[in-house]
Protein backbone atom coordinates (compact mmCIF):
# COMPACT_ATOMS: atom_id res chain seq x y z
CA MET A 1 84.28 -139.74 -174.27
CA ALA A 2 83.92 -143.14 -174.55
CA PHE A 3 85.51 -143.31 -170.70
CA ILE A 4 82.68 -140.50 -169.88
CA ALA A 5 80.05 -142.04 -171.23
CA GLU A 6 80.55 -144.95 -168.88
CA ASN A 7 81.78 -143.32 -165.52
CA LEU A 8 79.42 -140.41 -166.02
CA ALA A 9 78.30 -141.69 -162.49
CA PRO A 10 81.27 -141.40 -160.50
CA ILE A 11 82.30 -138.18 -161.63
CA MET A 12 78.96 -136.51 -161.41
CA PHE A 13 78.87 -137.49 -158.10
CA ALA A 14 83.01 -136.01 -157.75
CA ALA A 15 81.65 -132.92 -159.77
CA LEU A 16 78.61 -132.45 -156.89
CA ILE A 17 81.47 -132.73 -153.74
CA ILE A 18 84.17 -130.19 -155.78
CA VAL A 19 80.98 -127.63 -156.24
CA LEU A 20 79.83 -127.84 -152.55
CA LEU A 21 82.97 -127.12 -151.52
CA LEU A 22 83.95 -124.49 -153.38
CA GLY A 23 80.74 -122.80 -151.45
CA TYR A 24 78.18 -122.63 -153.79
CA PRO A 25 74.92 -122.80 -152.82
CA VAL A 26 73.84 -126.26 -152.02
CA ALA A 27 70.25 -126.26 -153.32
CA PHE A 28 71.72 -124.49 -156.67
CA ALA A 29 74.99 -126.62 -156.46
CA LEU A 30 72.15 -130.04 -156.73
CA ALA A 31 70.40 -128.45 -159.82
CA PHE A 32 73.43 -127.30 -161.73
CA VAL A 33 75.12 -130.46 -161.84
CA GLY A 34 72.07 -132.44 -162.30
CA PHE A 35 71.53 -129.95 -165.78
CA PHE A 36 75.24 -130.06 -166.32
CA PHE A 37 75.69 -133.79 -166.47
CA GLY A 38 71.91 -134.17 -167.67
CA PHE A 39 72.71 -132.45 -171.10
CA ILE A 40 75.85 -134.28 -171.20
CA GLY A 41 73.76 -137.27 -171.57
CA ILE A 42 72.06 -136.01 -173.99
CA GLU A 43 74.37 -135.39 -175.96
CA LEU A 44 76.17 -139.01 -175.68
CA GLY A 45 72.85 -140.48 -175.89
CA LEU A 46 73.03 -141.67 -172.70
CA LEU A 47 69.69 -140.15 -171.45
CA PRO A 48 66.50 -139.48 -173.69
CA ALA A 49 65.90 -136.09 -175.14
CA THR A 50 63.24 -135.67 -172.97
CA LEU A 51 64.34 -136.32 -169.57
CA PHE A 52 63.97 -132.99 -168.09
CA GLN A 53 60.37 -133.32 -168.72
CA ALA A 54 59.87 -135.17 -166.00
CA ILE A 55 61.10 -132.34 -163.42
CA PRO A 56 57.72 -130.72 -163.10
CA ASP A 57 56.21 -133.59 -162.04
CA ARG A 58 58.83 -134.22 -159.60
CA ILE A 59 58.58 -130.57 -157.93
CA PHE A 60 54.55 -130.65 -158.11
CA GLY A 61 54.89 -134.39 -156.49
CA GLN A 62 57.08 -133.06 -153.55
CA MET A 63 55.02 -129.73 -153.07
CA SER A 64 51.72 -132.06 -152.50
CA ASN A 65 53.56 -134.15 -150.28
CA GLU A 66 51.98 -133.72 -146.95
CA THR A 67 55.01 -135.49 -144.85
CA LEU A 68 56.55 -131.87 -145.59
CA LEU A 69 54.07 -130.34 -143.41
CA ALA A 70 55.34 -131.50 -140.19
CA ILE A 71 58.36 -129.16 -140.75
CA PRO A 72 56.52 -125.75 -140.56
CA PHE A 73 54.29 -126.64 -137.58
CA PHE A 74 57.38 -128.43 -135.78
CA THR A 75 59.53 -125.05 -136.29
CA PHE A 76 56.74 -122.28 -135.44
CA MET A 77 56.01 -124.47 -132.17
CA GLY A 78 59.74 -124.18 -131.22
CA LEU A 79 60.18 -120.90 -131.85
CA ILE A 80 56.94 -119.39 -130.30
CA LEU A 81 58.08 -121.57 -126.82
CA GLU A 82 61.47 -120.18 -127.45
CA LYS A 83 60.49 -116.46 -127.77
CA SER A 84 57.76 -116.28 -125.12
CA GLY A 85 60.54 -117.47 -122.20
CA MET A 86 59.71 -121.05 -121.53
CA ALA A 87 63.76 -121.77 -122.27
CA GLU A 88 64.59 -119.35 -119.52
CA ASP A 89 61.85 -120.35 -117.06
CA LEU A 90 62.83 -123.90 -117.17
CA LEU A 91 67.01 -123.49 -116.85
CA ASP A 92 66.21 -120.97 -113.74
CA THR A 93 63.73 -123.72 -112.47
CA ILE A 94 65.63 -126.66 -112.89
CA GLY A 95 68.77 -124.89 -111.76
CA GLN A 96 67.31 -124.17 -108.19
CA LEU A 97 66.19 -127.67 -107.89
CA PHE A 98 69.74 -129.36 -108.83
CA GLY A 99 71.78 -126.20 -107.32
CA PRO A 100 73.52 -128.14 -103.72
CA VAL A 101 74.83 -130.85 -106.21
CA ARG A 102 78.06 -130.42 -107.59
CA GLY A 103 77.49 -130.27 -111.72
CA GLY A 104 74.04 -128.93 -110.98
CA ILE A 105 73.97 -125.99 -113.58
CA ALA A 106 75.09 -128.27 -116.01
CA PHE A 107 72.43 -131.21 -115.30
CA ALA A 108 69.63 -128.69 -115.58
CA VAL A 109 70.91 -127.51 -119.14
CA ILE A 110 70.72 -131.28 -120.15
CA PHE A 111 67.48 -132.10 -118.60
CA VAL A 112 66.20 -128.72 -120.26
CA GLY A 113 68.23 -129.40 -123.73
CA ALA A 114 65.92 -132.64 -123.52
CA ILE A 115 62.95 -130.81 -123.23
CA LEU A 116 63.21 -128.29 -126.02
CA ALA A 117 64.03 -131.05 -127.83
CA ALA A 118 60.91 -132.82 -127.62
CA THR A 119 58.85 -129.23 -127.91
CA THR A 120 60.94 -127.41 -130.40
CA GLY A 121 63.16 -129.84 -132.32
CA VAL A 122 65.23 -126.80 -133.72
CA VAL A 123 68.71 -127.11 -132.78
CA ALA A 124 69.91 -123.10 -133.37
CA ALA A 125 67.24 -122.38 -131.13
CA SER A 126 67.76 -124.51 -128.17
CA VAL A 127 71.89 -123.41 -128.38
CA ILE A 128 71.00 -120.11 -128.52
CA SER A 129 68.77 -119.61 -125.54
CA MET A 130 70.75 -122.18 -123.52
CA GLY A 131 74.26 -120.23 -124.20
CA LEU A 132 72.27 -116.91 -123.58
CA ILE A 133 70.75 -118.11 -120.23
CA SER A 134 72.99 -120.20 -118.56
CA LEU A 135 76.83 -119.61 -119.82
CA PRO A 136 76.81 -116.52 -118.12
CA ILE A 137 75.34 -118.20 -114.96
CA MET A 138 78.29 -121.35 -115.33
CA LEU A 139 80.89 -118.53 -115.83
CA ARG A 140 79.81 -116.58 -112.85
CA TYR A 141 79.70 -119.43 -110.55
CA GLY A 142 83.03 -120.72 -111.40
CA TYR A 143 82.46 -123.64 -114.17
CA ASP A 144 85.76 -124.44 -116.79
CA ARG A 145 84.89 -122.59 -119.56
CA LYS A 146 85.10 -126.45 -121.60
CA VAL A 147 82.85 -128.12 -119.97
CA ALA A 148 80.17 -125.79 -119.72
CA ALA A 149 81.08 -124.96 -123.62
CA GLY A 150 80.99 -128.62 -124.80
CA THR A 151 77.74 -129.42 -122.01
CA ILE A 152 75.12 -126.15 -124.21
CA ALA A 153 76.88 -127.25 -127.53
CA ALA A 154 75.97 -131.05 -126.50
CA SER A 155 72.49 -130.44 -125.54
CA GLY A 156 71.45 -128.38 -127.95
CA THR A 157 71.91 -131.21 -130.60
CA LEU A 158 69.59 -133.39 -128.50
CA ALA A 159 67.03 -131.45 -130.93
CA GLN A 160 67.91 -133.89 -134.05
CA ILE A 161 67.58 -136.73 -132.38
CA ILE A 162 64.34 -136.51 -130.00
CA PRO A 163 61.56 -136.59 -131.86
CA PRO A 164 59.59 -134.32 -133.08
CA SER A 165 62.56 -133.65 -134.86
CA LEU A 166 62.77 -132.07 -138.17
CA VAL A 167 65.64 -134.23 -139.41
CA LEU A 168 64.01 -137.15 -138.45
CA ILE A 169 60.99 -136.10 -140.93
CA VAL A 170 63.02 -135.73 -143.58
CA LEU A 171 64.75 -138.46 -143.54
CA ALA A 172 61.59 -140.54 -143.02
CA ASP A 173 60.38 -139.28 -146.51
CA GLN A 174 63.64 -140.02 -147.96
CA LEU A 175 63.82 -143.07 -146.66
CA GLY A 176 59.78 -143.89 -147.94
CA ARG A 177 58.98 -144.97 -144.51
CA SER A 178 56.40 -143.63 -141.65
CA VAL A 179 57.50 -140.61 -139.56
CA GLY A 180 55.64 -142.00 -136.34
CA ASP A 181 57.70 -144.71 -136.89
CA MET A 182 60.32 -143.04 -137.29
CA TYR A 183 60.00 -141.56 -133.89
CA LYS A 184 59.31 -144.37 -132.01
CA GLY A 185 62.24 -145.79 -133.04
CA ALA A 186 64.91 -142.49 -132.31
CA LEU A 187 63.26 -142.14 -128.46
CA VAL A 188 65.21 -144.83 -126.65
CA PRO A 189 68.32 -143.64 -128.49
CA GLY A 190 67.69 -140.14 -127.41
CA LEU A 191 66.92 -140.93 -124.12
CA MET A 192 70.14 -142.71 -123.39
CA LEU A 193 72.11 -139.59 -124.64
CA VAL A 194 70.47 -138.05 -122.29
CA ALA A 195 71.70 -139.86 -119.95
CA ALA A 196 75.09 -140.48 -121.19
CA TYR A 197 75.99 -136.93 -121.01
CA ALA A 198 74.82 -136.64 -117.45
CA LEU A 199 76.69 -139.59 -116.41
CA TYR A 200 80.00 -137.61 -118.37
CA ILE A 201 78.92 -134.59 -115.57
CA ILE A 202 78.61 -137.44 -113.14
CA VAL A 203 82.31 -138.58 -113.66
CA THR A 204 83.53 -135.18 -113.85
CA SER A 205 82.25 -133.80 -110.61
CA ILE A 206 83.54 -137.24 -109.09
CA ILE A 207 86.99 -136.69 -110.64
CA SER A 208 87.36 -133.03 -110.96
CA PRO A 209 84.68 -130.66 -108.75
CA ALA A 210 86.21 -127.52 -109.35
CA LYS A 211 85.26 -127.74 -112.82
CA VAL A 212 81.22 -128.09 -111.78
CA PRO A 213 80.67 -126.40 -108.89
CA ALA A 214 77.76 -126.18 -106.91
CA LEU A 215 75.66 -123.04 -106.33
CA PRO A 216 76.95 -121.23 -103.44
CA LEU A 217 73.99 -120.93 -101.15
CA GLU A 218 73.29 -116.70 -101.67
CA ALA A 219 72.08 -118.05 -105.23
CA ARG A 220 69.87 -120.22 -104.37
CA THR A 221 66.94 -118.58 -103.92
CA LEU A 222 64.16 -120.97 -104.09
CA ARG A 223 63.44 -122.88 -101.10
CA GLY A 224 60.82 -125.46 -99.88
CA THR A 225 57.56 -124.99 -100.96
CA LYS A 226 58.11 -122.47 -103.75
CA LEU A 227 60.09 -124.41 -105.48
CA LEU A 228 57.95 -127.07 -105.41
CA LEU A 229 55.32 -124.92 -106.86
CA LYS A 230 57.71 -123.30 -109.32
CA VAL A 231 58.86 -126.98 -110.73
CA ILE A 232 54.95 -127.79 -111.07
CA THR A 233 54.10 -124.27 -112.91
CA SER A 234 57.18 -124.44 -115.29
CA LEU A 235 57.32 -128.14 -115.64
CA VAL A 236 53.84 -129.25 -116.25
CA PRO A 237 52.53 -127.30 -118.74
CA PRO A 238 55.60 -128.44 -121.73
CA LEU A 239 55.43 -132.01 -120.26
CA VAL A 240 51.35 -131.69 -121.45
CA LEU A 241 52.21 -130.13 -124.74
CA ILE A 242 55.36 -132.99 -125.44
CA PHE A 243 52.35 -135.88 -124.43
CA LEU A 244 50.06 -134.15 -126.83
CA VAL A 245 52.20 -133.97 -129.73
CA LEU A 246 54.20 -136.97 -129.09
CA GLY A 247 51.96 -139.12 -127.62
CA THR A 248 48.82 -138.73 -130.15
CA ILE A 249 51.28 -139.93 -133.00
CA PHE A 250 52.85 -142.52 -130.96
CA LEU A 251 49.21 -144.22 -129.86
CA GLY A 252 48.25 -143.68 -133.23
CA ILE A 253 45.49 -140.74 -132.70
CA ALA A 254 47.24 -138.36 -135.16
CA THR A 255 49.45 -137.85 -137.99
CA PRO A 256 53.23 -135.80 -137.57
CA THR A 257 51.47 -133.24 -139.55
CA GLU A 258 48.46 -133.52 -137.48
CA GLY A 259 50.68 -133.12 -134.28
CA GLY A 260 52.40 -130.55 -135.36
CA ALA A 261 49.55 -128.49 -136.02
CA MET A 262 48.34 -129.16 -132.51
CA GLY A 263 50.94 -128.36 -131.20
CA ALA A 264 51.67 -124.98 -132.83
CA VAL A 265 48.37 -124.13 -131.31
CA GLY A 266 49.29 -125.24 -127.78
CA ALA A 267 52.68 -123.51 -128.09
CA LEU A 268 50.65 -120.30 -128.84
CA ALA A 269 47.93 -121.23 -126.01
CA LEU A 270 51.33 -121.75 -123.33
CA ALA A 271 52.70 -117.55 -125.07
CA PHE A 272 48.94 -116.84 -123.83
CA ALA A 273 48.89 -118.24 -120.78
CA ASN A 274 52.28 -116.97 -119.91
CA ARG A 275 50.78 -113.19 -121.41
CA LYS A 276 53.89 -112.94 -123.85
CA LEU A 277 51.49 -113.73 -126.82
CA ASN A 278 51.51 -110.14 -129.46
CA PHE A 279 51.64 -109.42 -133.12
CA GLY A 280 55.50 -109.20 -132.64
CA LEU A 281 56.21 -112.30 -131.63
CA ILE A 282 53.88 -113.98 -134.09
CA GLN A 283 55.51 -112.21 -137.16
CA GLN A 284 59.29 -113.09 -135.84
CA SER A 285 58.44 -116.20 -135.54
CA LEU A 286 56.45 -117.08 -138.80
CA HIS A 287 59.19 -114.99 -140.79
CA ALA A 288 61.63 -117.69 -139.56
CA THR A 289 59.16 -120.51 -139.96
CA ALA A 290 59.23 -119.84 -143.37
CA LYS A 291 62.79 -119.37 -143.86
CA LEU A 292 63.71 -122.63 -142.86
CA SER A 293 61.06 -124.36 -144.63
CA SER A 294 61.93 -122.31 -147.76
CA PHE A 295 66.02 -123.75 -147.28
CA VAL A 296 64.86 -126.75 -147.12
CA LEU A 297 62.58 -127.35 -149.73
CA LEU A 298 64.96 -125.46 -152.18
CA ILE A 299 67.29 -127.92 -151.12
CA LEU A 300 65.02 -130.93 -151.47
CA LEU A 301 63.67 -129.89 -154.99
CA GLY A 302 67.57 -128.83 -155.87
CA ALA A 303 68.25 -132.64 -154.88
CA ARG A 304 65.64 -134.06 -157.20
CA VAL A 305 66.85 -132.26 -160.20
CA PHE A 306 70.24 -134.08 -159.03
CA SER A 307 68.62 -137.80 -158.26
CA LEU A 308 66.36 -137.30 -161.78
CA THR A 309 69.91 -137.14 -163.80
CA PHE A 310 71.85 -139.25 -161.21
CA TYR A 311 69.35 -142.71 -161.40
CA GLY A 312 68.94 -141.84 -165.31
CA VAL A 313 72.73 -142.69 -166.01
CA ASN A 314 72.58 -145.74 -163.56
CA GLY A 315 74.02 -144.01 -160.42
CA HIS A 316 72.25 -145.54 -157.91
CA VAL A 317 73.25 -149.25 -159.82
CA TRP A 318 76.87 -148.01 -159.28
CA VAL A 319 76.27 -147.15 -155.58
CA GLU A 320 75.27 -149.97 -155.30
CA HIS A 321 77.64 -152.62 -156.80
CA LEU A 322 79.85 -150.18 -155.22
CA MET A 323 78.82 -151.02 -151.99
CA THR A 324 78.03 -154.58 -151.80
CA SER A 325 80.97 -155.23 -152.82
CA ILE A 326 82.85 -154.00 -149.82
CA PRO A 327 84.04 -157.09 -147.48
CA GLY A 328 82.48 -158.09 -144.87
CA GLY A 329 78.92 -157.97 -146.14
CA GLU A 330 76.13 -156.10 -143.86
CA ILE A 331 78.64 -155.01 -141.07
CA GLY A 332 81.26 -153.62 -143.75
CA PHE A 333 78.98 -151.86 -145.06
CA LEU A 334 77.19 -150.06 -142.37
CA ILE A 335 80.59 -149.02 -141.55
CA VAL A 336 81.62 -147.92 -144.47
CA ALA A 337 78.36 -146.05 -144.49
CA ASN A 338 78.30 -144.51 -140.84
CA LEU A 339 82.59 -143.38 -142.10
CA LEU A 340 81.01 -141.89 -145.25
CA VAL A 341 78.46 -139.77 -143.53
CA PHE A 342 81.05 -138.82 -140.37
CA PHE A 343 83.85 -137.38 -142.68
CA LEU A 344 81.16 -135.47 -145.04
CA ALA A 345 79.39 -133.99 -142.15
CA PHE A 346 82.66 -132.21 -141.87
CA PHE A 347 82.18 -129.93 -144.63
CA LEU A 348 77.67 -130.83 -145.03
CA ASP A 349 75.35 -129.87 -142.42
CA TYR A 350 72.26 -132.62 -141.72
CA PHE A 351 69.78 -131.46 -143.94
CA GLU A 352 72.33 -131.46 -147.41
CA LEU A 353 73.58 -135.12 -145.94
CA ALA A 354 69.53 -136.16 -145.47
CA PHE A 355 69.03 -135.45 -149.08
CA ILE A 356 72.21 -135.79 -150.94
CA ILE A 357 73.77 -139.39 -149.12
CA ILE A 358 70.30 -140.91 -148.03
CA PRO A 359 68.84 -141.75 -151.33
CA LEU A 360 72.39 -143.58 -152.52
CA LEU A 361 72.51 -145.14 -149.35
CA ALA A 362 68.63 -146.59 -148.55
CA PRO A 363 68.57 -148.65 -151.46
CA VAL A 364 72.09 -150.95 -150.93
CA ALA A 365 70.61 -150.96 -146.63
CA ASP A 366 67.46 -152.55 -148.42
CA ALA A 367 68.70 -155.02 -150.87
CA LEU A 368 70.98 -156.47 -147.74
CA GLY A 369 67.66 -156.71 -146.07
CA ILE A 370 68.59 -153.93 -143.41
CA ASP A 371 65.45 -152.30 -141.32
CA LEU A 372 65.78 -148.74 -142.32
CA ILE A 373 64.04 -147.37 -139.77
CA TRP A 374 67.17 -148.88 -137.71
CA PHE A 375 69.10 -147.74 -140.52
CA GLY A 376 68.12 -143.64 -140.26
CA VAL A 377 67.90 -143.80 -137.07
CA MET A 378 71.40 -144.79 -136.72
CA LEU A 379 72.52 -142.42 -139.71
CA ALA A 380 70.29 -139.47 -137.31
CA VAL A 381 72.74 -140.22 -134.60
CA ASN A 382 75.89 -140.14 -136.48
CA MET A 383 74.79 -136.86 -138.46
CA GLN A 384 74.32 -135.84 -134.84
CA THR A 385 78.15 -135.14 -134.70
CA SER A 386 78.07 -132.67 -137.71
CA PHE A 387 77.01 -129.60 -135.62
CA MET A 388 79.95 -130.77 -132.87
CA HIS A 389 83.17 -130.95 -135.07
CA PRO A 390 85.04 -128.32 -137.32
CA PRO A 391 85.25 -127.00 -139.26
CA PHE A 392 81.34 -126.69 -139.98
CA GLY A 393 79.67 -127.83 -136.50
CA PHE A 394 76.99 -125.31 -136.63
CA SER A 395 76.29 -126.18 -132.87
CA LEU A 396 79.51 -124.83 -132.07
CA PHE A 397 78.87 -121.22 -134.75
CA PHE A 398 75.69 -120.63 -132.58
CA LEU A 399 77.76 -120.95 -129.01
CA ARG A 400 80.46 -118.40 -130.18
CA SER A 401 77.49 -115.94 -131.68
CA VAL A 402 76.51 -115.57 -128.18
CA ALA A 403 79.32 -116.44 -125.75
CA PRO A 404 81.46 -113.38 -124.59
CA THR A 405 84.36 -112.68 -126.59
CA ARG A 406 85.60 -109.65 -124.32
CA ALA A 407 86.13 -109.35 -121.03
CA TYR A 408 83.09 -108.43 -118.75
CA LYS A 409 82.28 -107.24 -115.45
CA ASP A 410 79.52 -109.65 -113.85
CA ARG A 411 76.04 -107.70 -113.04
CA ILE A 412 75.35 -109.28 -109.89
CA THR A 413 78.75 -110.75 -108.03
CA GLY A 414 81.01 -107.48 -109.59
CA GLN A 415 83.80 -109.48 -111.05
CA THR A 416 85.62 -109.43 -113.95
CA ILE A 417 84.62 -112.43 -116.36
CA GLN A 418 87.31 -113.92 -118.44
CA PRO A 419 86.02 -114.39 -122.56
CA VAL A 420 85.44 -117.64 -123.93
CA THR A 421 87.63 -118.75 -127.04
CA SER A 422 86.65 -120.63 -129.74
CA SER A 423 89.25 -123.10 -129.37
CA GLN A 424 87.49 -123.59 -125.53
CA ILE A 425 84.45 -124.19 -127.37
CA TYR A 426 86.30 -126.75 -129.50
CA LEU A 427 87.34 -128.76 -126.73
CA GLY A 428 84.56 -128.86 -124.69
CA ALA A 429 83.07 -130.42 -127.92
CA ILE A 430 85.62 -133.58 -128.06
CA PRO A 431 83.86 -135.64 -125.21
CA TYR A 432 80.16 -135.55 -126.14
CA LEU A 433 81.67 -135.97 -129.80
CA PHE A 434 83.02 -139.14 -128.74
CA ILE A 435 79.75 -139.99 -126.36
CA GLN A 436 77.61 -139.84 -130.14
CA LEU A 437 79.96 -142.17 -131.69
CA THR A 438 79.91 -144.50 -129.21
CA MET A 439 76.08 -144.41 -129.11
CA VAL A 440 76.10 -144.87 -132.85
CA VAL A 441 78.71 -147.94 -131.78
CA ILE A 442 75.37 -149.57 -129.19
CA ILE A 443 72.60 -148.98 -131.95
CA ILE A 444 74.80 -151.51 -134.15
CA THR A 445 75.53 -153.21 -131.68
CA PHE A 446 72.03 -153.56 -129.56
CA PRO A 447 69.63 -153.10 -132.54
CA GLY A 448 67.04 -153.67 -130.01
CA ILE A 449 67.01 -150.73 -128.78
CA VAL A 450 65.45 -149.09 -131.95
CA MET A 451 63.58 -152.42 -133.20
CA HIS A 452 60.89 -152.26 -130.47
CA TYR A 453 58.73 -149.95 -132.50
CA LYS A 454 57.79 -153.24 -134.10
CA SER A 455 56.45 -154.42 -130.84
CA GLY A 456 52.90 -153.39 -131.14
CA ALA A 457 52.93 -154.63 -134.83
CA LYS A 458 50.50 -158.13 -135.91
CA VAL A 459 52.56 -160.51 -137.63
CA ALA A 460 50.96 -162.83 -140.05
CA ASP A 461 51.00 -166.50 -140.17
CA PRO A 462 51.86 -167.53 -143.49
CA SER A 463 50.73 -171.24 -142.61
CA SER A 464 47.37 -169.80 -141.67
CA VAL A 465 46.74 -167.88 -144.73
CA HIS A 466 44.13 -169.47 -147.65
CA ILE A 467 43.16 -167.79 -150.83
CA ASN A 468 39.79 -168.86 -151.82
CA VAL A 469 38.61 -167.35 -155.00
CA PRO A 470 35.10 -167.74 -156.28
CA MET A 471 33.99 -168.95 -158.37
CA PRO A 472 30.11 -168.05 -159.12
CA SER A 473 29.10 -170.31 -162.02
CA ALA A 474 30.57 -173.78 -160.22
CA GLY A 475 28.90 -175.69 -157.62
CA THR A 476 25.49 -174.07 -156.36
CA ASP A 477 24.91 -170.83 -156.00
CA ALA A 478 25.03 -170.79 -152.01
CA ASP A 479 28.93 -172.40 -152.14
CA PRO A 480 30.71 -170.12 -154.83
CA PHE A 481 33.72 -171.79 -153.65
CA ALA A 482 32.90 -175.44 -154.57
CA ASN A 483 35.13 -177.14 -156.43
CA PRO A 484 33.45 -177.01 -159.76
CA PHE A 485 35.00 -180.67 -161.11
CA SER A 486 33.15 -182.39 -157.99
CA ALA A 487 30.59 -184.87 -158.22
CA PRO A 488 26.91 -184.65 -156.74
CA GLY A 489 26.99 -184.83 -152.93
CA ASN A 490 30.61 -183.73 -152.87
CA SER A 491 31.80 -186.89 -154.65
CA ALA A 492 35.41 -187.55 -156.60
CA PRO A 493 34.35 -187.04 -160.44
CA SER A 494 34.55 -191.25 -161.73
CA PHE A 495 35.41 -190.16 -165.73
CA GLY A 496 33.86 -193.22 -166.96
CA LYS A 497 35.88 -195.37 -164.28
CA PRO A 498 34.09 -198.71 -163.01
CA ALA A 499 32.23 -198.85 -159.87
CA THR A 500 33.71 -200.39 -157.42
CA PRO A 501 32.19 -203.99 -156.97
């Protein structure tokens, strides 16, 4: 019992990992471990008997957190846009635009993935939409299956790092930082990932042009003025919506919650303009939004129960001592933190990582003087890999759910198209997984690509700060800051000293 009392924090953390690996639902696993070890701590005299009386306050504190309101707003906006056919129009238009170029459809998938990420913020919606629309086209015109599957899966994960990402909202909340600052810091790394994906397709088209062929002439149905008009009508509305949402947040005109509400209204307006708005669309979007928001909130409440007990037994102190004792100081901590998140991503998804691991690592990073916005963006890019590697790569699962599992006859060419196997999906994701890990290294090496969010902040010069304490009873009424010991005429008091000859 003495051993348990002295090591309750590491035992509690190990128990949580075991319960999660057993497949128990995450929200209930967190709450169960919190309650179970809380009662053990009370019995051992390590925790007060009134410990769990704080739970109602913690729950209502989360329920009144206005920052988290942005999650249902952005989710609803993304679902309305996805179900109203915006993704299909974008893929068709940009695919026609890049059609004459080798890898043109892959470029279209990457760029549309970036636009969908900036408008939906939901990985599942992006991957499923592009898998349903672009994968049959890529298979029809002879794309390598591994390249096609990896490009679609990776492009969908851009919704995690490009604002308005739901994960960035959760990370900002867990780190105690502004969502707007988190969005500003993540924007450049997100765009760099888009460029890196496109560069990979360019290299592939040079080395193995047969893997990413150009669209044949008969498939390019739009040319000249018609193509230009289609590009304008398909691209301008989502770009305007992106500016209304992200531009107002970056300029400080709207909070992220207000920006999300404005984006939801804008998505409804776009759906109405495209004549796709109806009661069924709204009902489906609201239902999916309620499910995702409830999922996030339940995990957060379970994490609050776990953290109450974990902090009560000084678990945060144990983690801080453990991480600060790592050789190498700040660099050693960053390496271990990234390795921890990367390997836990094999078993946990991004929300679970954000609610379980980030609250443990953030105090250590703060104690080491690491900027928490930079730290959060770095971990967000790292957690992006949780979508791309086995056994729980959710982006790969989403693509597997819509990829053909048996041979079928193409309705355009009449050819028999072979199915896409799970091994092809996993192998196709590996190059993009390395690109994401390389981006983590780049962020660590060049922190300025995230820290630019501070460029507009006003910095005070400590030497120019003066503190004046008003003392109305001293001096004259006209000058309450006067020296209370000064003689008339502001000369120094003599205290009985003889006058100077």
